[in-house]
Amino acid sequence: MSDWHKSSYSGGSNECVEVREHTAGADVRDTQNRGKGQLSFTGPEWSAFIETLYLTRA
């Protein structure tokens, strides 16, 4: 499993989310509330989310 990382768009702020990718998909958590758990997504769910973000930026 990979390490948690923040988006390069966060600008060093702690008001963002962290992601870690793994073979089954990805986990997402709030940087300021790490102890409150995470949301887990399957590979297809995570791919659909990233694709939607990409398409909305185009």
Protein backbone atom coordinates (compact mmCIF):
# COMPACT_ATOMS: atom_id res chain seq x y z
CA MET A 1 0.00 0.00 0.00
CA SER A 2 1.35 3.44 -0.86
CA ASP A 3 1.89 6.29 1.58
CA TRP A 4 -0.68 9.02 2.09
CA HIS A 5 -0.09 12.11 -0.06
CA LYS A 6 -1.70 15.50 -0.64
CA SER A 7 -2.43 17.12 -3.96
CA SER A 8 0.20 19.45 -5.33
CA TYR A 9 -2.65 21.97 -5.63
CA SER A 10 -3.01 22.17 -1.84
CA GLY A 11 -0.24 24.77 -1.63
CA GLY A 12 1.07 23.43 1.67
CA SER A 13 -2.19 24.15 3.46
CA ASN A 14 -3.68 21.64 5.89
CA GLU A 15 -7.17 22.31 4.53
CA CYS A 16 -7.21 19.49 2.05
CA VAL A 17 -7.56 15.75 1.72
CA GLU A 18 -4.95 13.03 1.53
CA VAL A 19 -5.06 10.00 -0.75
CA ARG A 20 -3.33 6.65 -0.80
CA GLU A 21 -3.66 4.32 -3.74
CA HIS A 22 -3.53 0.54 -3.44
CA THR A 23 -4.26 -2.50 -5.58
CA ALA A 24 -7.96 -2.52 -4.61
CA GLY A 25 -8.52 1.22 -5.22
CA ALA A 26 -7.88 4.28 -3.06
CA ASP A 27 -8.55 5.72 0.39
CA VAL A 28 -9.25 9.40 1.12
CA ARG A 29 -9.08 11.21 4.46
CA ASP A 30 -9.31 14.75 5.83
CA THR A 31 -5.87 16.15 6.62
CA GLN A 32 -7.09 17.98 9.72
CA ASN A 33 -9.04 14.99 11.07
CA ARG A 34 -6.91 11.97 10.21
CA GLY A 35 -8.07 10.03 13.24
CA LYS A 36 -11.70 10.12 12.15
CA GLY A 37 -11.17 7.50 9.48
CA GLN A 38 -11.23 7.46 5.72
CA LEU A 39 -13.44 6.81 2.75
CA SER A 40 -12.46 3.79 0.67
CA PHE A 41 -13.12 3.45 -3.04
CA THR A 42 -12.77 0.48 -5.36
CA GLY A 43 -10.54 0.78 -8.42
CA PRO A 44 -13.46 1.44 -10.82
CA GLU A 45 -15.00 4.00 -8.44
CA TRP A 46 -11.70 5.85 -8.05
CA SER A 47 -11.07 5.80 -11.80
CA ALA A 48 -14.54 7.22 -12.49
CA PHE A 49 -13.97 9.97 -9.91
CA ILE A 50 -10.59 10.97 -11.40
CA GLU A 51 -12.01 10.87 -14.94
CA THR A 52 -14.91 13.11 -13.90
CA LEU A 53 -12.49 15.62 -12.33
CA TYR A 54 -10.41 15.63 -15.47
CA LEU A 55 -13.44 16.16 -17.73
CA THR A 56 -14.81 19.03 -15.64
CA ARG A 57 -11.47 20.85 -15.85
CA ALA A 58 -11.29 20.58 -19.64
